[in-house]
């Protein structure tokens, strides 16, 4: 799995590419765990290149959301593919994350 990262101002934007399933979900989990260990993690996850995700990826996102909630923050997701958006809605998990249509809006939400 390829995960591109870029800085937008002082915020890191992480962009996984490809389906978040099986081993790729584990790679994604490792990356998020590393990011969450930093003091005051300020990042967003852009999912426009993730066509779908499995339960392991959902669990990873929920674990990250819980960790961020402990730091009085909320996990921010950007540009969900239609299938990923539907997965979050069908599982009733969409309310656990802040979801934005574009990176700029997500980055502005930190201000």
C-alpha atoms as a PDB file:
ATOM      1  CA  UNK A   1       0.000   0.000   0.000  1.00  0.00           C
ATOM      2  CA  UNK A   2       1.167   3.456  -0.833  1.00  0.00           C
ATOM      3  CA  UNK A   3       0.382   6.310   1.552  1.00  0.00           C
ATOM      4  CA  UNK A   4       1.329   9.740   0.296  1.00  0.00           C
ATOM      5  CA  UNK A   5       1.734  12.581   2.743  1.00  0.00           C
ATOM      6  CA  UNK A   6       1.960  16.305   2.260  1.00  0.00           C
ATOM      7  CA  UNK A   7       1.901  19.380   4.443  1.00  0.00           C
ATOM      8  CA  UNK A   8      -0.799  21.985   4.029  1.00  0.00           C
ATOM      9  CA  UNK A   9       0.307  24.789   6.284  1.00  0.00           C
ATOM     10  CA  UNK A  10       1.129  23.093   9.580  1.00  0.00           C
ATOM     11  CA  UNK A  11      -1.255  20.165   8.995  1.00  0.00           C
ATOM     12  CA  UNK A  12      -0.204  16.797   7.590  1.00  0.00           C
ATOM     13  CA  UNK A  13      -2.494  15.278   4.975  1.00  0.00           C
ATOM     14  CA  UNK A  14      -2.179  11.505   4.618  1.00  0.00           C
ATOM     15  CA  UNK A  15      -3.575   9.929   1.442  1.00  0.00           C
ATOM     16  CA  UNK A  16      -3.749   6.135   1.340  1.00  0.00           C
ATOM     17  CA  UNK A  17      -4.083   4.715  -2.150  1.00  0.00           C
ATOM     18  CA  UNK A  18      -5.962   1.536  -2.930  1.00  0.00           C
ATOM     19  CA  UNK A  19      -8.434  -0.562  -0.991  1.00  0.00           C
ATOM     20  CA  UNK A  20      -7.922  -0.633   2.774  1.00  0.00           C
ATOM     21  CA  UNK A  21      -8.166  -4.379   3.308  1.00  0.00           C
ATOM     22  CA  UNK A  22      -6.064  -7.148   4.841  1.00  0.00           C
ATOM     23  CA  UNK A  23      -2.332  -6.315   4.930  1.00  0.00           C
ATOM     24  CA  UNK A  24      -2.895  -2.816   3.579  1.00  0.00           C
ATOM     25  CA  UNK A  25      -5.179  -2.073   6.514  1.00  0.00           C
ATOM     26  CA  UNK A  26      -2.320  -3.158   8.799  1.00  0.00           C
ATOM     27  CA  UNK A  27       0.126  -0.801   7.040  1.00  0.00           C
ATOM     28  CA  UNK A  28      -2.431   1.988   7.460  1.00  0.00           C
ATOM     29  CA  UNK A  29      -2.858   1.088  11.146  1.00  0.00           C
ATOM     30  CA  UNK A  30       0.903   1.270  11.732  1.00  0.00           C
ATOM     31  CA  UNK A  31       1.112   4.684  10.073  1.00  0.00           C
ATOM     32  CA  UNK A  32      -1.781   6.045  12.151  1.00  0.00           C
ATOM     33  CA  UNK A  33      -0.352   4.627  15.371  1.00  0.00           C
ATOM     34  CA  UNK A  34       2.947   6.401  14.705  1.00  0.00           C
ATOM     35  CA  UNK A  35       1.148   9.677  13.985  1.00  0.00           C
ATOM     36  CA  UNK A  36      -0.944   9.400  17.140  1.00  0.00           C
ATOM     37  CA  UNK A  37       2.141   8.947  19.317  1.00  0.00           C
ATOM     38  CA  UNK A  38       3.319  12.453  18.416  1.00  0.00           C
ATOM     39  CA  UNK A  39       2.365  15.222  20.824  1.00  0.00           C
ATOM     40  CA  UNK A  40      -0.643  17.184  19.552  1.00  0.00           C
ATOM     41  CA  UNK A  41      -1.211  15.179  16.356  1.00  0.00           C
ATOM     42  CA  UNK A  42      -2.656  17.494  13.710  1.00  0.00           C
ATOM     43  CA  UNK A  43      -3.496  15.618  10.543  1.00  0.00           C
ATOM     44  CA  UNK A  44      -6.296  14.690   8.185  1.00  0.00           C
ATOM     45  CA  UNK A  45      -6.859  11.536   6.190  1.00  0.00           C
ATOM     46  CA  UNK A  46      -7.875  11.983   2.567  1.00  0.00           C
ATOM     47  CA  UNK A  47      -9.691   8.914   1.255  1.00  0.00           C
ATOM     48  CA  UNK A  48     -10.447   9.869  -2.347  1.00  0.00           C
ATOM     49  CA  UNK A  49      -8.152   7.096  -3.637  1.00  0.00           C
ATOM     50  CA  UNK A  50      -9.600   4.400  -1.376  1.00  0.00           C
ATOM     51  CA  UNK A  51     -12.338   2.609  -3.321  1.00  0.00           C
ATOM     52  CA  UNK A  52     -13.470   0.532  -0.321  1.00  0.00           C
ATOM     53  CA  UNK A  53     -12.423  -0.619   3.145  1.00  0.00           C
ATOM     54  CA  UNK A  54     -12.971  -3.696   5.272  1.00  0.00           C
ATOM     55  CA  UNK A  55     -13.750  -4.143   8.956  1.00  0.00           C
ATOM     56  CA  UNK A  56     -10.043  -4.010   9.879  1.00  0.00           C
ATOM     57  CA  UNK A  57      -9.774  -0.548   8.328  1.00  0.00           C
ATOM     58  CA  UNK A  58     -12.945   0.574  10.118  1.00  0.00           C
ATOM     59  CA  UNK A  59     -11.531  -0.674  13.406  1.00  0.00           C
ATOM     60  CA  UNK A  60      -8.297   1.220  12.726  1.00  0.00           C
ATOM     61  CA  UNK A  61     -10.228   4.438  12.071  1.00  0.00           C
ATOM     62  CA  UNK A  62     -12.288   3.939  15.236  1.00  0.00           C
ATOM     63  CA  UNK A  63      -9.164   3.296  17.333  1.00  0.00           C
ATOM     64  CA  UNK A  64      -7.600   6.472  15.915  1.00  0.00           C
ATOM     65  CA  UNK A  65     -10.782   8.446  16.604  1.00  0.00           C
ATOM     66  CA  UNK A  66     -10.811   7.191  20.209  1.00  0.00           C
ATOM     67  CA  UNK A  67      -7.144   8.111  20.673  1.00  0.00           C
ATOM     68  CA  UNK A  68      -7.761  11.588  19.301  1.00  0.00           C
ATOM     69  CA  UNK A  69     -10.845  12.029  21.491  1.00  0.00           C
ATOM     70  CA  UNK A  70      -8.624  11.380  24.514  1.00  0.00           C
ATOM     71  CA  UNK A  71      -6.622  14.432  23.382  1.00  0.00           C
ATOM     72  CA  UNK A  72      -9.791  16.514  22.895  1.00  0.00           C
ATOM     73  CA  UNK A  73      -9.545  16.264  19.120  1.00  0.00           C
ATOM     74  CA  UNK A  74     -11.592  14.585  16.443  1.00  0.00           C
ATOM     75  CA  UNK A  75     -10.353  12.486  13.536  1.00  0.00           C
ATOM     76  CA  UNK A  76     -10.881  14.361  10.265  1.00  0.00           C
ATOM     77  CA  UNK A  77     -11.623  12.491   7.041  1.00  0.00           C
ATOM     78  CA  UNK A  78     -11.596  14.169   3.651  1.00  0.00           C
ATOM     79  CA  UNK A  79     -12.944  13.363   0.200  1.00  0.00           C
ATOM     80  CA  UNK A  80     -14.484   9.989   0.940  1.00  0.00           C
ATOM     81  CA  UNK A  81     -15.181   7.844  -2.086  1.00  0.00           C
ATOM     82  CA  UNK A  82     -18.908   7.105  -2.504  1.00  0.00           C
ATOM     83  CA  UNK A  83     -18.420   3.509  -1.351  1.00  0.00           C
ATOM     84  CA  UNK A  84     -16.446   4.498   1.765  1.00  0.00           C
ATOM     85  CA  UNK A  85     -19.058   7.131   2.620  1.00  0.00           C
ATOM     86  CA  UNK A  86     -21.777   4.508   2.256  1.00  0.00           C
ATOM     87  CA  UNK A  87     -19.846   2.037   4.430  1.00  0.00           C
ATOM     88  CA  UNK A  88     -19.595   4.615   7.225  1.00  0.00           C
ATOM     89  CA  UNK A  89     -23.273   5.489   6.922  1.00  0.00           C
ATOM     90  CA  UNK A  90     -24.496   1.872   6.795  1.00  0.00           C
ATOM     91  CA  UNK A  91     -22.428   0.915   9.824  1.00  0.00           C
ATOM     92  CA  UNK A  92     -23.640   3.985  11.731  1.00  0.00           C
ATOM     93  CA  UNK A  93     -20.069   5.227  12.178  1.00  0.00           C
ATOM     94  CA  UNK A  94     -20.180   8.436  10.147  1.00  0.00           C
ATOM     95  CA  UNK A  95     -20.868  10.506  13.264  1.00  0.00           C
ATOM     96  CA  UNK A  96     -17.617   9.362  14.894  1.00  0.00           C
ATOM     97  CA  UNK A  97     -15.538  11.444  12.480  1.00  0.00           C
ATOM     98  CA  UNK A  98     -15.481  14.952  11.120  1.00  0.00           C
ATOM     99  CA  UNK A  99     -15.971  14.557   7.380  1.00  0.00           C
ATOM    100  CA  UNK A 100     -15.024  17.268   4.890  1.00  0.00           C
ATOM    101  CA  UNK A 101     -15.447  17.542   1.141  1.00  0.00           C
ATOM    102  CA  UNK A 102     -11.991  19.047   0.563  1.00  0.00           C
ATOM    103  CA  UNK A 103      -8.606  19.364   2.247  1.00  0.00           C
ATOM    104  CA  UNK A 104      -8.791  23.142   2.590  1.00  0.00           C
ATOM    105  CA  UNK A 105     -11.952  22.968   4.709  1.00  0.00           C
ATOM    106  CA  UNK A 106     -10.439  20.261   6.894  1.00  0.00           C
ATOM    107  CA  UNK A 107      -7.225  22.240   7.415  1.00  0.00           C
ATOM    108  CA  UNK A 108      -9.222  25.404   8.240  1.00  0.00           C
ATOM    109  CA  UNK A 109     -11.127  23.480  10.895  1.00  0.00           C
ATOM    110  CA  UNK A 110      -7.955  23.413  13.015  1.00  0.00           C
ATOM    111  CA  UNK A 111      -8.033  27.202  13.377  1.00  0.00           C
END
